[in-house]
mmCIF file of all heavy atoms, coordinates in Angstrom:
data_MODEL
# 
_entry.id   MODEL 
# 
loop_
_atom_site.group_PDB 
_atom_site.id 
_atom_site.type_symbol 
_atom_site.label_atom_id 
_atom_site.label_alt_id 
_atom_site.label_comp_id 
_atom_site.label_asym_id 
_atom_site.label_entity_id 
_atom_site.label_seq_id 
_atom_site.pdbx_PDB_ins_code 
_atom_site.Cartn_x 
_atom_site.Cartn_y 
_atom_site.Cartn_z 
_atom_site.occupancy 
_atom_site.B_iso_or_equiv 
_atom_site.pdbx_formal_charge 
_atom_site.auth_seq_id 
_atom_site.auth_comp_id 
_atom_site.auth_asym_id 
_atom_site.auth_atom_id 
_atom_site.pdbx_PDB_model_num 
ATOM 1   N N   . ASP A 1 1  ? -18.865 5.716  2.898   1.00 0.00 ? 1  ASP A N   1 
ATOM 2   C CA  . ASP A 1 1  ? -18.270 5.967  4.204   1.00 0.00 ? 1  ASP A CA  1 
ATOM 3   C C   . ASP A 1 1  ? -17.476 4.744  4.682   1.00 0.00 ? 1  ASP A C   1 
ATOM 4   O O   . ASP A 1 1  ? -16.406 4.877  5.281   1.00 0.00 ? 1  ASP A O   1 
ATOM 5   C CB  . ASP A 1 1  ? -19.342 6.325  5.226   1.00 0.00 ? 1  ASP A CB  1 
ATOM 6   C CG  . ASP A 1 1  ? -18.746 6.688  6.576   1.00 0.00 ? 1  ASP A CG  1 
ATOM 7   O OD1 . ASP A 1 1  ? -17.939 7.635  6.637   1.00 0.00 ? 1  ASP A OD1 1 
ATOM 8   O OD2 . ASP A 1 1  ? -19.076 6.020  7.573   1.00 0.00 ? 1  ASP A OD2 1 
ATOM 9   N N   . ALA A 1 2  ? -18.001 3.548  4.404   1.00 0.00 ? 2  ALA A N   1 
ATOM 10  C CA  . ALA A 1 2  ? -17.290 2.334  4.809   1.00 0.00 ? 2  ALA A CA  1 
ATOM 11  C C   . ALA A 1 2  ? -15.994 2.189  4.036   1.00 0.00 ? 2  ALA A C   1 
ATOM 12  O O   . ALA A 1 2  ? -14.946 1.782  4.593   1.00 0.00 ? 2  ALA A O   1 
ATOM 13  C CB  . ALA A 1 2  ? -18.168 1.112  4.580   1.00 0.00 ? 2  ALA A CB  1 
ATOM 14  N N   . VAL A 1 3  ? -15.991 2.549  2.746   1.00 0.00 ? 3  VAL A N   1 
ATOM 15  C CA  . VAL A 1 3  ? -14.771 2.489  1.947   1.00 0.00 ? 3  VAL A CA  1 
ATOM 16  C C   . VAL A 1 3  ? -13.746 3.490  2.453   1.00 0.00 ? 3  VAL A C   1 
ATOM 17  O O   . VAL A 1 3  ? -12.567 3.184  2.586   1.00 0.00 ? 3  VAL A O   1 
ATOM 18  C CB  . VAL A 1 3  ? -15.110 2.751  0.449   1.00 0.00 ? 3  VAL A CB  1 
ATOM 19  C CG1 . VAL A 1 3  ? -13.840 2.792  -0.387  1.00 0.00 ? 3  VAL A CG1 1 
ATOM 20  C CG2 . VAL A 1 3  ? -16.047 1.669  -0.074  1.00 0.00 ? 3  VAL A CG2 1 
ATOM 21  N N   . LEU A 1 4  ? -14.185 4.695  2.775   1.00 0.00 ? 4  LEU A N   1 
ATOM 22  C CA  . LEU A 1 4  ? -13.274 5.726  3.287   1.00 0.00 ? 4  LEU A CA  1 
ATOM 23  C C   . LEU A 1 4  ? -12.673 5.297  4.630   1.00 0.00 ? 4  LEU A C   1 
ATOM 24  O O   . LEU A 1 4  ? -11.482 5.556  4.892   1.00 0.00 ? 4  LEU A O   1 
ATOM 25  C CB  . LEU A 1 4  ? -14.008 7.055  3.425   1.00 0.00 ? 4  LEU A CB  1 
ATOM 26  C CG  . LEU A 1 4  ? -14.445 7.725  2.124   1.00 0.00 ? 4  LEU A CG  1 
ATOM 27  C CD1 . LEU A 1 4  ? -15.286 8.961  2.413   1.00 0.00 ? 4  LEU A CD1 1 
ATOM 28  C CD2 . LEU A 1 4  ? -13.250 8.100  1.265   1.00 0.00 ? 4  LEU A CD2 1 
ATOM 29  N N   . LYS A 1 5  ? -13.468 4.647  5.463   1.00 0.00 ? 5  LYS A N   1 
ATOM 30  C CA  . LYS A 1 5  ? -12.960 4.182  6.750   1.00 0.00 ? 5  LYS A CA  1 
ATOM 31  C C   . LYS A 1 5  ? -11.856 3.150  6.550   1.00 0.00 ? 5  LYS A C   1 
ATOM 32  O O   . LYS A 1 5  ? -10.835 3.177  7.237   1.00 0.00 ? 5  LYS A O   1 
ATOM 33  C CB  . LYS A 1 5  ? -14.083 3.600  7.603   1.00 0.00 ? 5  LYS A CB  1 
ATOM 34  C CG  . LYS A 1 5  ? -14.985 4.660  8.213   1.00 0.00 ? 5  LYS A CG  1 
ATOM 35  C CD  . LYS A 1 5  ? -16.051 4.030  9.113   1.00 0.00 ? 5  LYS A CD  1 
ATOM 36  C CE  . LYS A 1 5  ? -16.897 5.106  9.768   1.00 0.00 ? 5  LYS A CE  1 
ATOM 37  N NZ  . LYS A 1 5  ? -17.950 4.523  10.632  1.00 0.00 ? 5  LYS A NZ  1 
ATOM 38  N N   . GLN A 1 6  ? -12.041 2.243  5.607   1.00 0.00 ? 6  GLN A N   1 
ATOM 39  C CA  . GLN A 1 6  ? -11.033 1.224  5.369   1.00 0.00 ? 6  GLN A CA  1 
ATOM 40  C C   . GLN A 1 6  ? -9.798  1.786  4.679   1.00 0.00 ? 6  GLN A C   1 
ATOM 41  O O   . GLN A 1 6  ? -8.697  1.252  4.810   1.00 0.00 ? 6  GLN A O   1 
ATOM 42  C CB  . GLN A 1 6  ? -11.613 0.080  4.523   1.00 0.00 ? 6  GLN A CB  1 
ATOM 43  C CG  . GLN A 1 6  ? -12.691 -0.728 5.214   1.00 0.00 ? 6  GLN A CG  1 
ATOM 44  C CD  . GLN A 1 6  ? -12.216 -1.316 6.532   1.00 0.00 ? 6  GLN A CD  1 
ATOM 45  O OE1 . GLN A 1 6  ? -11.084 -1.763 6.664   1.00 0.00 ? 6  GLN A OE1 1 
ATOM 46  N NE2 . GLN A 1 6  ? -13.097 -1.305 7.527   1.00 0.00 ? 6  GLN A NE2 1 
ATOM 47  N N   . TRP A 1 7  ? -9.973  2.891  3.973   1.00 0.00 ? 7  TRP A N   1 
ATOM 48  C CA  . TRP A 1 7  ? -8.850  3.531  3.269   1.00 0.00 ? 7  TRP A CA  1 
ATOM 49  C C   . TRP A 1 7  ? -8.031  4.412  4.218   1.00 0.00 ? 7  TRP A C   1 
ATOM 50  O O   . TRP A 1 7  ? -6.884  4.739  3.929   1.00 0.00 ? 7  TRP A O   1 
ATOM 51  C CB  . TRP A 1 7  ? -9.389  4.379  2.120   1.00 0.00 ? 7  TRP A CB  1 
ATOM 52  C CG  . TRP A 1 7  ? -8.349  4.848  1.153   1.00 0.00 ? 7  TRP A CG  1 
ATOM 53  C CD1 . TRP A 1 7  ? -7.547  5.948  1.258   1.00 0.00 ? 7  TRP A CD1 1 
ATOM 54  C CD2 . TRP A 1 7  ? -7.963  4.212  -0.061  1.00 0.00 ? 7  TRP A CD2 1 
ATOM 55  N NE1 . TRP A 1 7  ? -6.710  6.052  0.180   1.00 0.00 ? 7  TRP A NE1 1 
ATOM 56  C CE2 . TRP A 1 7  ? -6.947  4.984  -0.647  1.00 0.00 ? 7  TRP A CE2 1 
ATOM 57  C CE3 . TRP A 1 7  ? -8.400  3.063  -0.741  1.00 0.00 ? 7  TRP A CE3 1 
ATOM 58  C CZ2 . TRP A 1 7  ? -6.343  4.663  -1.875  1.00 0.00 ? 7  TRP A CZ2 1 
ATOM 59  C CZ3 . TRP A 1 7  ? -7.817  2.737  -1.953  1.00 0.00 ? 7  TRP A CZ3 1 
ATOM 60  C CH2 . TRP A 1 7  ? -6.799  3.516  -2.508  1.00 0.00 ? 7  TRP A CH2 1 
ATOM 61  N N   . ALA A 1 8  ? -8.608  4.822  5.325   1.00 0.00 ? 8  ALA A N   1 
ATOM 62  C CA  . ALA A 1 8  ? -7.979  5.790  6.225   1.00 0.00 ? 8  ALA A CA  1 
ATOM 63  C C   . ALA A 1 8  ? -6.540  5.380  6.556   1.00 0.00 ? 8  ALA A C   1 
ATOM 64  O O   . ALA A 1 8  ? -6.269  4.249  6.924   1.00 0.00 ? 8  ALA A O   1 
ATOM 65  C CB  . ALA A 1 8  ? -8.781  5.933  7.499   1.00 0.00 ? 8  ALA A CB  1 
ATOM 66  N N   . GLY A 1 9  ? -5.615  6.321  6.385   1.00 0.00 ? 9  GLY A N   1 
ATOM 67  C CA  . GLY A 1 9  ? -4.207  6.076  6.625   1.00 0.00 ? 9  GLY A CA  1 
ATOM 68  C C   . GLY A 1 9  ? -3.405  5.807  5.374   1.00 0.00 ? 9  GLY A C   1 
ATOM 69  O O   . GLY A 1 9  ? -2.177  5.890  5.381   1.00 0.00 ? 9  GLY A O   1 
ATOM 70  N N   . LEU A 1 10 ? -4.089  5.486  4.262   1.00 0.00 ? 10 LEU A N   1 
ATOM 71  C CA  . LEU A 1 10 ? -3.376  5.172  3.017   1.00 0.00 ? 10 LEU A CA  1 
ATOM 72  C C   . LEU A 1 10 ? -3.035  6.432  2.223   1.00 0.00 ? 10 LEU A C   1 
ATOM 73  O O   . LEU A 1 10 ? -2.169  6.397  1.364   1.00 0.00 ? 10 LEU A O   1 
ATOM 74  C CB  . LEU A 1 10 ? -4.227  4.208  2.181   1.00 0.00 ? 10 LEU A CB  1 
ATOM 75  C CG  . LEU A 1 10 ? -3.529  3.418  1.065   1.00 0.00 ? 10 LEU A CG  1 
ATOM 76  C CD1 . LEU A 1 10 ? -2.332  2.667  1.603   1.00 0.00 ? 10 LEU A CD1 1 
ATOM 77  C CD2 . LEU A 1 10 ? -4.512  2.442  0.437   1.00 0.00 ? 10 LEU A CD2 1 
ATOM 78  N N   . GLY A 1 11 ? -3.734  7.537  2.519   1.00 0.00 ? 11 GLY A N   1 
ATOM 79  C CA  . GLY A 1 11 ? -3.391  8.807  1.895   1.00 0.00 ? 11 GLY A CA  1 
ATOM 80  C C   . GLY A 1 11 ? -4.003  8.991  0.516   1.00 0.00 ? 11 GLY A C   1 
ATOM 81  O O   . GLY A 1 11 ? -4.569  8.073  -0.071  1.00 0.00 ? 11 GLY A O   1 
ATOM 82  N N   . TYR A 1 12 ? -3.879  10.222 -0.003  1.00 0.00 ? 12 TYR A N   1 
ATOM 83  C CA  . TYR A 1 12 ? -4.388  10.586 -1.326  1.00 0.00 ? 12 TYR A CA  1 
ATOM 84  C C   . TYR A 1 12 ? -5.856  10.097 -1.475  1.00 0.00 ? 12 TYR A C   1 
ATOM 85  O O   . TYR A 1 12 ? -6.161  9.233  -2.274  1.00 0.00 ? 12 TYR A O   1 
ATOM 86  C CB  . TYR A 1 12 ? -3.498  9.994  -2.436  1.00 0.00 ? 12 TYR A CB  1 
ATOM 87  C CG  . TYR A 1 12 ? -2.087  10.505 -2.399  1.00 0.00 ? 12 TYR A CG  1 
ATOM 88  C CD1 . TYR A 1 12 ? -1.110  9.834  -1.683  1.00 0.00 ? 12 TYR A CD1 1 
ATOM 89  C CD2 . TYR A 1 12 ? -1.742  11.706 -3.031  1.00 0.00 ? 12 TYR A CD2 1 
ATOM 90  C CE1 . TYR A 1 12 ? 0.191   10.323 -1.594  1.00 0.00 ? 12 TYR A CE1 1 
ATOM 91  C CE2 . TYR A 1 12 ? -0.431  12.195 -2.965  1.00 0.00 ? 12 TYR A CE2 1 
ATOM 92  C CZ  . TYR A 1 12 ? 0.523   11.501 -2.251  1.00 0.00 ? 12 TYR A CZ  1 
ATOM 93  O OH  . TYR A 1 12 ? 1.795   11.988 -2.165  1.00 0.00 ? 12 TYR A OH  1 
ATOM 94  N N   . TYR A 1 13 ? -6.703  10.697 -0.667  1.00 0.00 ? 13 TYR A N   1 
ATOM 95  C CA  . TYR A 1 13 ? -8.046  10.137 -0.449  1.00 0.00 ? 13 TYR A CA  1 
ATOM 96  C C   . TYR A 1 13 ? -8.979  10.266 -1.640  1.00 0.00 ? 13 TYR A C   1 
ATOM 97  O O   . TYR A 1 13 ? -9.998  9.584  -1.693  1.00 0.00 ? 13 TYR A O   1 
ATOM 98  C CB  . TYR A 1 13 ? -8.659  10.778 0.803   1.00 0.00 ? 13 TYR A CB  1 
ATOM 99  C CG  . TYR A 1 13 ? -7.872  10.359 2.026   1.00 0.00 ? 13 TYR A CG  1 
ATOM 100 C CD1 . TYR A 1 13 ? -6.859  11.172 2.548   1.00 0.00 ? 13 TYR A CD1 1 
ATOM 101 C CD2 . TYR A 1 13 ? -8.105  9.143  2.641   1.00 0.00 ? 13 TYR A CD2 1 
ATOM 102 C CE1 . TYR A 1 13 ? -6.108  10.777 3.637   1.00 0.00 ? 13 TYR A CE1 1 
ATOM 103 C CE2 . TYR A 1 13 ? -7.350  8.736  3.729   1.00 0.00 ? 13 TYR A CE2 1 
ATOM 104 C CZ  . TYR A 1 13 ? -6.368  9.552  4.232   1.00 0.00 ? 13 TYR A CZ  1 
ATOM 105 O OH  . TYR A 1 13 ? -5.613  9.139  5.298   1.00 0.00 ? 13 TYR A OH  1 
ATOM 106 N N   . ALA A 1 14 ? -8.631  11.088 -2.613  1.00 0.00 ? 14 ALA A N   1 
ATOM 107 C CA  . ALA A 1 14 ? -9.434  11.110 -3.838  1.00 0.00 ? 14 ALA A CA  1 
ATOM 108 C C   . ALA A 1 14 ? -9.420  9.747  -4.507  1.00 0.00 ? 14 ALA A C   1 
ATOM 109 O O   . ALA A 1 14 ? -10.368 9.375  -5.201  1.00 0.00 ? 14 ALA A O   1 
ATOM 110 C CB  . ALA A 1 14 ? -8.889  12.182 -4.800  1.00 0.00 ? 14 ALA A CB  1 
ATOM 111 N N   . ARG A 1 15 ? -8.344  8.983  -4.291  1.00 0.00 ? 15 ARG A N   1 
ATOM 112 C CA  . ARG A 1 15 ? -8.277  7.645  -4.869  1.00 0.00 ? 15 ARG A CA  1 
ATOM 113 C C   . ARG A 1 15 ? -9.423  6.765  -4.348  1.00 0.00 ? 15 ARG A C   1 
ATOM 114 O O   . ARG A 1 15 ? -10.002 5.970  -5.092  1.00 0.00 ? 15 ARG A O   1 
ATOM 115 C CB  . ARG A 1 15 ? -6.936  6.980  -4.527  1.00 0.00 ? 15 ARG A CB  1 
ATOM 116 C CG  . ARG A 1 15 ? -5.725  7.622  -5.172  1.00 0.00 ? 15 ARG A CG  1 
ATOM 117 C CD  . ARG A 1 15 ? -4.464  6.861  -4.832  1.00 0.00 ? 15 ARG A CD  1 
ATOM 118 N NE  . ARG A 1 15 ? -4.164  6.888  -3.404  1.00 0.00 ? 15 ARG A NE  1 
ATOM 119 C CZ  . ARG A 1 15 ? -3.254  6.138  -2.816  1.00 0.00 ? 15 ARG A CZ  1 
ATOM 120 N NH1 . ARG A 1 15 ? -2.558  5.257  -3.509  1.00 0.00 ? 15 ARG A NH1 1 
ATOM 121 N NH2 . ARG A 1 15 ? -3.019  6.234  -1.512  1.00 0.00 ? 15 ARG A NH2 1 
ATOM 122 N N   . ALA A 1 16 ? -9.720  6.890  -3.061  1.00 0.00 ? 16 ALA A N   1 
ATOM 123 C CA  . ALA A 1 16 ? -10.799 6.068  -2.475  1.00 0.00 ? 16 ALA A CA  1 
ATOM 124 C C   . ALA A 1 16 ? -12.147 6.438  -3.061  1.00 0.00 ? 16 ALA A C   1 
ATOM 125 O O   . ALA A 1 16 ? -12.990 5.585  -3.357  1.00 0.00 ? 16 ALA A O   1 
ATOM 126 C CB  . ALA A 1 16 ? -10.795 6.221  -0.966  1.00 0.00 ? 16 ALA A CB  1 
ATOM 127 N N   . ARG A 1 17 ? -12.382 7.740  -3.226  1.00 0.00 ? 17 ARG A N   1 
ATOM 128 C CA  . ARG A 1 17 ? -13.668 8.173  -3.804  1.00 0.00 ? 17 ARG A CA  1 
ATOM 129 C C   . ARG A 1 17 ? -13.778 7.728  -5.270  1.00 0.00 ? 17 ARG A C   1 
ATOM 130 O O   . ARG A 1 17 ? -14.838 7.277  -5.704  1.00 0.00 ? 17 ARG A O   1 
ATOM 131 C CB  . ARG A 1 17 ? -13.813 9.703  -3.672  1.00 0.00 ? 17 ARG A CB  1 
ATOM 132 C CG  . ARG A 1 17 ? -13.824 10.179 -2.234  1.00 0.00 ? 17 ARG A CG  1 
ATOM 133 C CD  . ARG A 1 17 ? -14.179 11.649 -2.113  1.00 0.00 ? 17 ARG A CD  1 
ATOM 134 N NE  . ARG A 1 17 ? -13.165 12.508 -2.698  1.00 0.00 ? 17 ARG A NE  1 
ATOM 135 C CZ  . ARG A 1 17 ? -12.096 12.941 -2.056  1.00 0.00 ? 17 ARG A CZ  1 
ATOM 136 N NH1 . ARG A 1 17 ? -11.854 12.572 -0.816  1.00 0.00 ? 17 ARG A NH1 1 
ATOM 137 N NH2 . ARG A 1 17 ? -11.212 13.753 -2.642  1.00 0.00 ? 17 ARG A NH2 1 
ATOM 138 N N   . ASN A 1 18 ? -12.679 7.871  -6.011  1.00 0.00 ? 18 ASN A N   1 
ATOM 139 C CA  . ASN A 1 18 ? -12.693 7.402  -7.398  1.00 0.00 ? 18 ASN A CA  1 
ATOM 140 C C   . ASN A 1 18 ? -12.830 5.888  -7.491  1.00 0.00 ? 18 ASN A C   1 
ATOM 141 O O   . ASN A 1 18 ? -13.436 5.352  -8.412  1.00 0.00 ? 18 ASN A O   1 
ATOM 142 C CB  . ASN A 1 18 ? -11.413 7.862  -8.107  1.00 0.00 ? 18 ASN A CB  1 
ATOM 143 C CG  . ASN A 1 18 ? -11.427 9.344  -8.430  1.00 0.00 ? 18 ASN A CG  1 
ATOM 144 O OD1 . ASN A 1 18 ? -12.480 9.945  -8.618  1.00 0.00 ? 18 ASN A OD1 1 
ATOM 145 N ND2 . ASN A 1 18 ? -10.258 9.933  -8.509  1.00 0.00 ? 18 ASN A ND2 1 
ATOM 146 N N   . LEU A 1 19 ? -12.227 5.191  -6.534  1.00 0.00 ? 19 LEU A N   1 
ATOM 147 C CA  . LEU A 1 19 ? -12.318 3.734  -6.500  1.00 0.00 ? 19 LEU A CA  1 
ATOM 148 C C   . LEU A 1 19 ? -13.762 3.301  -6.407  1.00 0.00 ? 19 LEU A C   1 
ATOM 149 O O   . LEU A 1 19 ? -14.234 2.424  -7.159  1.00 0.00 ? 19 LEU A O   1 
ATOM 150 C CB  . LEU A 1 19 ? -11.537 3.212  -5.275  1.00 0.00 ? 19 LEU A CB  1 
ATOM 151 C CG  . LEU A 1 19 ? -11.255 1.718  -5.213  1.00 0.00 ? 19 LEU A CG  1 
ATOM 152 C CD1 . LEU A 1 19 ? -10.024 1.376  -6.053  1.00 0.00 ? 19 LEU A CD1 1 
ATOM 153 C CD2 . LEU A 1 19 ? -10.995 1.295  -3.767  1.00 0.00 ? 19 LEU A CD2 1 
ATOM 154 N N   . HIS A 1 20 ? -14.489 3.917  -5.504  1.00 0.00 ? 20 HIS A N   1 
ATOM 155 C CA  . HIS A 1 20 ? -15.911 3.577  -5.313  1.00 0.00 ? 20 HIS A CA  1 
ATOM 156 C C   . HIS A 1 20 ? -16.728 3.930  -6.552  1.00 0.00 ? 20 HIS A C   1 
ATOM 157 O O   . HIS A 1 20 ? -17.558 3.135  -7.018  1.00 0.00 ? 20 HIS A O   1 
ATOM 158 C CB  . HIS A 1 20 ? -16.430 4.326  -4.079  1.00 0.00 ? 20 HIS A CB  1 
ATOM 159 C CG  . HIS A 1 20 ? -17.767 3.864  -3.614  1.00 0.00 ? 20 HIS A CG  1 
ATOM 160 N ND1 . HIS A 1 20 ? -18.902 4.623  -3.734  1.00 0.00 ? 20 HIS A ND1 1 
ATOM 161 C CD2 . HIS A 1 20 ? -18.153 2.686  -3.053  1.00 0.00 ? 20 HIS A CD2 1 
ATOM 162 C CE1 . HIS A 1 20 ? -19.932 3.974  -3.229  1.00 0.00 ? 20 HIS A CE1 1 
ATOM 163 N NE2 . HIS A 1 20 ? -19.516 2.786  -2.807  1.00 0.00 ? 20 HIS A NE2 1 
ATOM 164 N N   . ALA A 1 21 ? -16.470 5.117  -7.105  1.00 0.00 ? 21 ALA A N   1 
ATOM 165 C CA  . ALA A 1 21 ? -17.201 5.539  -8.317  1.00 0.00 ? 21 ALA A CA  1 
ATOM 166 C C   . ALA A 1 21 ? -16.882 4.609  -9.487  1.00 0.00 ? 21 ALA A C   1 
ATOM 167 O O   . ALA A 1 21 ? -17.770 4.269  -10.290 1.00 0.00 ? 21 ALA A O   1 
ATOM 168 C CB  . ALA A 1 21 ? -16.834 6.980  -8.666  1.00 0.00 ? 21 ALA A CB  1 
ATOM 169 N N   . CYS A 1 22 ? -15.634 4.182  -9.607  1.00 0.00 ? 22 CYS A N   1 
ATOM 170 C CA  . CYS A 1 22 ? -15.233 3.284  -10.696 1.00 0.00 ? 22 CYS A CA  1 
ATOM 171 C C   . CYS A 1 22 ? -15.940 1.947  -10.547 1.00 0.00 ? 22 CYS A C   1 
ATOM 172 O O   . CYS A 1 22 ? -16.433 1.371  -11.539 1.00 0.00 ? 22 CYS A O   1 
ATOM 173 C CB  . CYS A 1 22 ? -13.726 3.118  -10.711 1.00 0.00 ? 22 CYS A CB  1 
ATOM 174 S SG  . CYS A 1 22 ? -13.118 2.103  -12.050 1.00 0.00 ? 22 CYS A SG  1 
ATOM 175 N N   . ALA A 1 23 ? -15.971 1.403  -9.355  1.00 0.00 ? 23 ALA A N   1 
ATOM 176 C CA  . ALA A 1 23 ? -16.671 0.120  -9.122  1.00 0.00 ? 23 ALA A CA  1 
ATOM 177 C C   . ALA A 1 23 ? -18.134 0.218  -9.544  1.00 0.00 ? 23 ALA A C   1 
ATOM 178 O O   . ALA A 1 23 ? -18.676 -0.695 -10.190 1.00 0.00 ? 23 ALA A O   1 
ATOM 179 C CB  . ALA A 1 23 ? -16.548 -0.286 -7.655  1.00 0.00 ? 23 ALA A CB  1 
ATOM 180 N N   . GLN A 1 24 ? -18.770 1.319  -9.187  1.00 0.00 ? 24 GLN A N   1 
ATOM 181 C CA  . GLN A 1 24 ? -20.188 1.478  -9.559  1.00 0.00 ? 24 GLN A CA  1 
ATOM 182 C C   . GLN A 1 24 ? -20.336 1.592  -11.077 1.00 0.00 ? 24 GLN A C   1 
ATOM 183 O O   . GLN A 1 24 ? -21.276 1.044  -11.657 1.00 0.00 ? 24 GLN A O   1 
ATOM 184 C CB  . GLN A 1 24 ? -20.760 2.707  -8.863  1.00 0.00 ? 24 GLN A CB  1 
ATOM 185 C CG  . GLN A 1 24 ? -20.860 2.542  -7.348  1.00 0.00 ? 24 GLN A CG  1 
ATOM 186 C CD  . GLN A 1 24 ? -21.421 3.756  -6.643  1.00 0.00 ? 24 GLN A CD  1 
ATOM 187 O OE1 . GLN A 1 24 ? -21.194 4.893  -7.065  1.00 0.00 ? 24 GLN A OE1 1 
ATOM 188 N NE2 . GLN A 1 24 ? -22.162 3.543  -5.560  1.00 0.00 ? 24 GLN A NE2 1 
ATOM 189 N N   . ALA A 1 25 ? -19.390 2.271  -11.735 1.00 0.00 ? 25 ALA A N   1 
ATOM 190 C CA  . ALA A 1 25 ? -19.452 2.384  -13.195 1.00 0.00 ? 25 ALA A CA  1 
ATOM 191 C C   . ALA A 1 25 ? -19.250 1.027  -13.868 1.00 0.00 ? 25 ALA A C   1 
ATOM 192 O O   . ALA A 1 25 ? -19.907 0.733  -14.892 1.00 0.00 ? 25 ALA A O   1 
ATOM 193 C CB  . ALA A 1 25 ? -18.390 3.374  -13.673 1.00 0.00 ? 25 ALA A CB  1 
# 
């Protein structure tokens, strides 16, 4: 949720979810 809040306004929000998943991987 914190990552999505910081991403808000940048668009193409699947990128933010994948970003977080990639970092965890």
